[in-house]
Amino acid sequence: MTTSFILLNGALESPPIPEGLYSAIISAHSGLRYLLLLTLIAAVVTAWNNMKGSKPYQGMARTMGLVTMILTDIQLLIGLVLYYVNLDARTNFKMGQLKDALAESSTRYFILEHFVMMILAVLFVHIGYATAKKKGSNKAQFRWYLVALILILAAIPWPFYGAIGRGWF
């Protein structure tokens, strides 16, 4: 039997889901980032090569764009579960406690900065794929996916980020 304690600010001491499940979700989210980064880089490089060779938007460029978008959506869904669990555990969804939680830099990073940058990256991947598909343009996919890649690389909590850094997996 596990017991949870209420902290002074009213937040829960542990996540509202079993610890093993929480660890598995974080590991899946952390591990999937590498697959997403590989496909995103491949989509950018493929679009670049097709753009420079004046090739039409089809075949490998289109497939890599679609696979990247699907992996981005899966990563988003896992991230939203983690976001909900983190927000619930830290604030019990109370605005006053959210203000206190945002005062701590590592909590602010995950609740606000990481979340916003990743949502923008997902949006840019979707815009890039839709625009490239509609116009038949490698250039559109290249531009939007490159911006998404830069945002994702900046928003990942790499191990060398200090207090906010996570492990490699």
C-alpha atoms as a PDB file:
ATOM      1  CA  MET A   1       0.000   0.000   0.000  1.00  0.00           C
ATOM      2  CA  THR A   2       1.398   3.369  -0.968  1.00  0.00           C
ATOM      3  CA  THR A   3       0.602   6.598   0.725  1.00  0.00           C
ATOM      4  CA  SER A   4       0.939  10.036  -0.739  1.00  0.00           C
ATOM      5  CA  PHE A   5       1.575  13.122   1.258  1.00  0.00           C
ATOM      6  CA  ILE A   6       0.313  16.598   0.504  1.00  0.00           C
ATOM      7  CA  LEU A   7       3.095  19.160   0.345  1.00  0.00           C
ATOM      8  CA  LEU A   8       2.728  22.549   2.004  1.00  0.00           C
ATOM      9  CA  ASN A   9       1.516  24.203  -1.195  1.00  0.00           C
ATOM     10  CA  GLY A  10      -1.134  21.501  -1.686  1.00  0.00           C
ATOM     11  CA  ALA A  11       0.624  19.641  -4.482  1.00  0.00           C
ATOM     12  CA  LEU A  12       1.106  15.906  -4.378  1.00  0.00           C
ATOM     13  CA  GLU A  13       4.519  14.539  -3.482  1.00  0.00           C
ATOM     14  CA  SER A  14       4.340  11.846  -6.158  1.00  0.00           C
ATOM     15  CA  PRO A  15       2.732  11.657  -9.601  1.00  0.00           C
ATOM     16  CA  PRO A  16      -0.978  10.721  -9.675  1.00  0.00           C
ATOM     17  CA  ILE A  17      -0.143   7.508 -11.567  1.00  0.00           C
ATOM     18  CA  PRO A  18       1.971   4.527 -10.434  1.00  0.00           C
ATOM     19  CA  GLU A  19       5.671   5.316 -10.330  1.00  0.00           C
ATOM     20  CA  GLY A  20       6.574   2.444 -12.674  1.00  0.00           C
ATOM     21  CA  LEU A  21       4.106   3.647 -15.296  1.00  0.00           C
ATOM     22  CA  TYR A  22       5.395   7.200 -14.958  1.00  0.00           C
ATOM     23  CA  SER A  23       8.987   5.994 -15.469  1.00  0.00           C
ATOM     24  CA  ALA A  24       7.946   3.928 -18.498  1.00  0.00           C
ATOM     25  CA  ILE A  25       6.166   6.902 -20.090  1.00  0.00           C
ATOM     26  CA  ILE A  26       9.168   9.186 -19.525  1.00  0.00           C
ATOM     27  CA  SER A  27      11.507   6.529 -20.956  1.00  0.00           C
ATOM     28  CA  ALA A  28       9.298   6.095 -24.016  1.00  0.00           C
ATOM     29  CA  HIS A  29       9.146   9.866 -24.523  1.00  0.00           C
ATOM     30  CA  SER A  30      12.920  10.197 -24.107  1.00  0.00           C
ATOM     31  CA  GLY A  31      13.763   7.235 -26.338  1.00  0.00           C
ATOM     32  CA  LEU A  32      11.337   8.149 -29.106  1.00  0.00           C
ATOM     33  CA  ARG A  33      13.044  11.530 -29.495  1.00  0.00           C
ATOM     34  CA  TYR A  34      15.991   9.866 -31.242  1.00  0.00           C
ATOM     35  CA  LEU A  35      13.789   8.143 -33.788  1.00  0.00           C
ATOM     36  CA  LEU A  36      11.947  11.420 -34.347  1.00  0.00           C
ATOM     37  CA  LEU A  37      15.210  13.348 -34.743  1.00  0.00           C
ATOM     38  CA  LEU A  38      16.540  10.790 -37.242  1.00  0.00           C
ATOM     39  CA  THR A  39      13.410  10.935 -39.386  1.00  0.00           C
ATOM     40  CA  LEU A  40      13.232  14.720 -39.151  1.00  0.00           C
ATOM     41  CA  ILE A  41      16.853  15.070 -40.229  1.00  0.00           C
ATOM     42  CA  ALA A  42      16.260  12.554 -43.032  1.00  0.00           C
ATOM     43  CA  ALA A  43      13.174  14.500 -44.166  1.00  0.00           C
ATOM     44  CA  VAL A  44      15.105  17.782 -44.183  1.00  0.00           C
ATOM     45  CA  VAL A  45      18.059  16.275 -46.079  1.00  0.00           C
ATOM     46  CA  THR A  46      15.799  14.497 -48.582  1.00  0.00           C
ATOM     47  CA  ALA A  47      13.813  17.673 -49.227  1.00  0.00           C
ATOM     48  CA  TRP A  48      17.076  19.635 -49.609  1.00  0.00           C
ATOM     49  CA  ASN A  49      18.498  17.137 -52.092  1.00  0.00           C
ATOM     50  CA  ASN A  50      15.274  17.067 -54.098  1.00  0.00           C
ATOM     51  CA  MET A  51      15.076  20.848 -54.030  1.00  0.00           C
ATOM     52  CA  LYS A  52      18.645  21.216 -55.318  1.00  0.00           C
ATOM     53  CA  GLY A  53      18.072  18.558 -57.978  1.00  0.00           C
ATOM     54  CA  SER A  54      14.755  20.161 -59.033  1.00  0.00           C
ATOM     55  CA  LYS A  55      12.969  16.875 -58.384  1.00  0.00           C
ATOM     56  CA  PRO A  56       9.224  16.774 -57.721  1.00  0.00           C
ATOM     57  CA  TYR A  57       7.835  16.340 -54.218  1.00  0.00           C
ATOM     58  CA  GLN A  58       7.119  12.633 -54.218  1.00  0.00           C
ATOM     59  CA  GLY A  59       8.657   9.318 -53.279  1.00  0.00           C
ATOM     60  CA  MET A  60      11.129   9.379 -50.426  1.00  0.00           C
ATOM     61  CA  ALA A  61      10.658  13.069 -49.559  1.00  0.00           C
ATOM     62  CA  ARG A  62       6.922  12.645 -49.185  1.00  0.00           C
ATOM     63  CA  THR A  63       7.278   9.369 -47.264  1.00  0.00           C
ATOM     64  CA  MET A  64       9.865  10.820 -44.872  1.00  0.00           C
ATOM     65  CA  GLY A  65       7.651  13.852 -44.352  1.00  0.00           C
ATOM     66  CA  LEU A  66       4.665  11.662 -43.493  1.00  0.00           C
ATOM     67  CA  VAL A  67       6.632   9.359 -41.163  1.00  0.00           C
ATOM     68  CA  THR A  68       8.114  12.399 -39.419  1.00  0.00           C
ATOM     69  CA  MET A  69       4.662  13.900 -38.938  1.00  0.00           C
ATOM     70  CA  ILE A  70       3.287  10.641 -37.512  1.00  0.00           C
ATOM     71  CA  LEU A  71       6.200  10.265 -35.083  1.00  0.00           C
ATOM     72  CA  THR A  72       5.800  13.903 -34.077  1.00  0.00           C
ATOM     73  CA  ASP A  73       2.136  13.290 -33.283  1.00  0.00           C
ATOM     74  CA  ILE A  74       2.935  10.185 -31.215  1.00  0.00           C
ATOM     75  CA  GLN A  75       5.590  12.138 -29.328  1.00  0.00           C
ATOM     76  CA  LEU A  76       3.067  14.939 -28.755  1.00  0.00           C
ATOM     77  CA  LEU A  77       0.494  12.534 -27.302  1.00  0.00           C
ATOM     78  CA  ILE A  78       3.016  11.008 -24.909  1.00  0.00           C
ATOM     79  CA  GLY A  79       4.207  14.501 -23.977  1.00  0.00           C
ATOM     80  CA  LEU A  80       0.659  15.678 -23.268  1.00  0.00           C
ATOM     81  CA  VAL A  81       0.169  12.753 -20.865  1.00  0.00           C
ATOM     82  CA  LEU A  82       3.390  13.723 -19.080  1.00  0.00           C
ATOM     83  CA  TYR A  83       2.345  17.373 -19.065  1.00  0.00           C
ATOM     84  CA  TYR A  84      -0.991  16.546 -17.465  1.00  0.00           C
ATOM     85  CA  VAL A  85       0.615  14.287 -14.852  1.00  0.00           C
ATOM     86  CA  ASN A  86       3.324  16.863 -14.076  1.00  0.00           C
ATOM     87  CA  LEU A  87       0.876  19.747 -13.830  1.00  0.00           C
ATOM     88  CA  ASP A  88      -1.453  17.702 -11.630  1.00  0.00           C
ATOM     89  CA  ALA A  89       1.351  16.562  -9.329  1.00  0.00           C
ATOM     90  CA  ARG A  90       2.862  20.025  -8.956  1.00  0.00           C
ATOM     91  CA  THR A  91      -0.175  22.285  -8.792  1.00  0.00           C
ATOM     92  CA  ASN A  92      -3.382  20.248  -8.414  1.00  0.00           C
ATOM     93  CA  PHE A  93      -4.531  22.568 -11.220  1.00  0.00           C
ATOM     94  CA  LYS A  94      -4.759  25.581  -8.897  1.00  0.00           C
ATOM     95  CA  MET A  95      -3.607  28.911 -10.339  1.00  0.00           C
ATOM     96  CA  GLY A  96      -1.945  30.131  -7.150  1.00  0.00           C
ATOM     97  CA  GLN A  97       0.141  26.981  -7.003  1.00  0.00           C
ATOM     98  CA  LEU A  98       0.973  27.291 -10.693  1.00  0.00           C
ATOM     99  CA  LYS A  99       2.524  30.681  -9.967  1.00  0.00           C
ATOM    100  CA  ASP A 100       4.630  29.118  -7.202  1.00  0.00           C
ATOM    101  CA  ALA A 101       5.641  26.208  -9.444  1.00  0.00           C
ATOM    102  CA  LEU A 102       6.696  28.567 -12.244  1.00  0.00           C
ATOM    103  CA  ALA A 103       9.039  30.346  -9.835  1.00  0.00           C
ATOM    104  CA  GLU A 104      11.274  27.250  -9.847  1.00  0.00           C
ATOM    105  CA  SER A 105      13.397  27.183 -13.017  1.00  0.00           C
ATOM    106  CA  SER A 106      13.292  23.437 -13.726  1.00  0.00           C
ATOM    107  CA  THR A 107       9.529  23.275 -13.227  1.00  0.00           C
ATOM    108  CA  ARG A 108       9.018  26.385 -15.363  1.00  0.00           C
ATOM    109  CA  TYR A 109      11.117  24.845 -18.105  1.00  0.00           C
ATOM    110  CA  PHE A 110       8.902  21.760 -18.431  1.00  0.00           C
ATOM    111  CA  ILE A 111       5.531  23.407 -17.729  1.00  0.00           C
ATOM    112  CA  LEU A 112       6.075  26.425 -19.961  1.00  0.00           C
ATOM    113  CA  GLU A 113       9.196  26.659 -22.117  1.00  0.00           C
ATOM    114  CA  HIS A 114       9.565  23.040 -23.278  1.00  0.00           C
ATOM    115  CA  PHE A 115       5.812  22.764 -23.803  1.00  0.00           C
ATOM    116  CA  VAL A 116       5.485  25.917 -25.928  1.00  0.00           C
ATOM    117  CA  MET A 117       8.547  25.200 -28.087  1.00  0.00           C
ATOM    118  CA  MET A 118       7.442  21.626 -28.753  1.00  0.00           C
ATOM    119  CA  ILE A 119       3.864  22.637 -29.594  1.00  0.00           C
ATOM    120  CA  LEU A 120       5.284  25.156 -32.081  1.00  0.00           C
ATOM    121  CA  ALA A 121       7.559  22.482 -33.557  1.00  0.00           C
ATOM    122  CA  VAL A 122       4.600  20.108 -34.022  1.00  0.00           C
ATOM    123  CA  LEU A 123       2.655  22.936 -35.649  1.00  0.00           C
ATOM    124  CA  PHE A 124       5.559  23.672 -38.021  1.00  0.00           C
ATOM    125  CA  VAL A 125       5.863  19.988 -38.992  1.00  0.00           C
ATOM    126  CA  HIS A 126       2.162  19.902 -39.833  1.00  0.00           C
ATOM    127  CA  ILE A 127       2.330  23.176 -41.768  1.00  0.00           C
ATOM    128  CA  GLY A 128       5.413  21.933 -43.638  1.00  0.00           C
ATOM    129  CA  TYR A 129       3.840  18.650 -44.630  1.00  0.00           C
ATOM    130  CA  ALA A 130       0.487  20.177 -45.619  1.00  0.00           C
ATOM    131  CA  THR A 131       2.108  22.982 -47.609  1.00  0.00           C
ATOM    132  CA  ALA A 132       4.539  20.645 -49.365  1.00  0.00           C
ATOM    133  CA  LYS A 133       1.752  18.210 -50.220  1.00  0.00           C
ATOM    134  CA  LYS A 134      -0.568  20.957 -51.477  1.00  0.00           C
ATOM    135  CA  LYS A 135       2.046  22.778 -53.550  1.00  0.00           C
ATOM    136  CA  GLY A 136       4.128  19.724 -54.428  1.00  0.00           C
ATOM    137  CA  SER A 137       7.119  21.641 -53.081  1.00  0.00           C
ATOM    138  CA  ASN A 138      10.277  20.262 -51.502  1.00  0.00           C
ATOM    139  CA  LYS A 139      11.174  23.825 -50.548  1.00  0.00           C
ATOM    140  CA  ALA A 140       8.143  24.153 -48.247  1.00  0.00           C
ATOM    141  CA  GLN A 141       8.929  20.913 -46.443  1.00  0.00           C
ATOM    142  CA  PHE A 142      12.597  21.852 -46.157  1.00  0.00           C
ATOM    143  CA  ARG A 143      11.927  25.282 -44.635  1.00  0.00           C
ATOM    144  CA  TRP A 144       9.214  24.299 -42.155  1.00  0.00           C
ATOM    145  CA  TYR A 145      10.915  21.072 -41.090  1.00  0.00           C
ATOM    146  CA  LEU A 146      14.245  22.837 -40.608  1.00  0.00           C
ATOM    147  CA  VAL A 147      12.621  25.399 -38.288  1.00  0.00           C
ATOM    148  CA  ALA A 148      10.909  22.547 -36.402  1.00  0.00           C
ATOM    149  CA  LEU A 149      14.239  20.710 -36.101  1.00  0.00           C
ATOM    150  CA  ILE A 150      15.956  23.776 -34.642  1.00  0.00           C
ATOM    151  CA  LEU A 151      13.119  24.273 -32.139  1.00  0.00           C
ATOM    152  CA  ILE A 152      13.162  20.626 -31.106  1.00  0.00           C
ATOM    153  CA  LEU A 153      16.931  20.595 -30.642  1.00  0.00           C
ATOM    154  CA  ALA A 154      16.669  23.722 -28.488  1.00  0.00           C
ATOM    155  CA  ALA A 155      13.763  22.381 -26.421  1.00  0.00           C
ATOM    156  CA  ILE A 156      15.073  18.885 -25.632  1.00  0.00           C
ATOM    157  CA  PRO A 157      16.322  18.717 -22.021  1.00  0.00           C
ATOM    158  CA  TRP A 158      19.768  17.367 -22.911  1.00  0.00           C
ATOM    159  CA  PRO A 159      21.872  15.884 -20.067  1.00  0.00           C
ATOM    160  CA  PHE A 160      24.346  18.784 -20.287  1.00  0.00           C
ATOM    161  CA  TYR A 161      21.604  21.385 -19.520  1.00  0.00           C
ATOM    162  CA  GLY A 162      22.367  21.250 -15.798  1.00  0.00           C
ATOM    163  CA  ALA A 163      19.392  21.169 -13.404  1.00  0.00           C
ATOM    164  CA  ILE A 164      16.805  20.773 -16.168  1.00  0.00           C
ATOM    165  CA  GLY A 165      18.753  18.134 -18.086  1.00  0.00           C
ATOM    166  CA  ARG A 166      17.459  14.593 -18.340  1.00  0.00           C
ATOM    167  CA  GLY A 167      19.376  11.429 -19.140  1.00  0.00           C
ATOM    168  CA  TRP A 168      20.179  10.281 -22.652  1.00  0.00           C
ATOM    169  CA  PHE A 169      17.255   7.827 -22.438  1.00  0.00           C
END
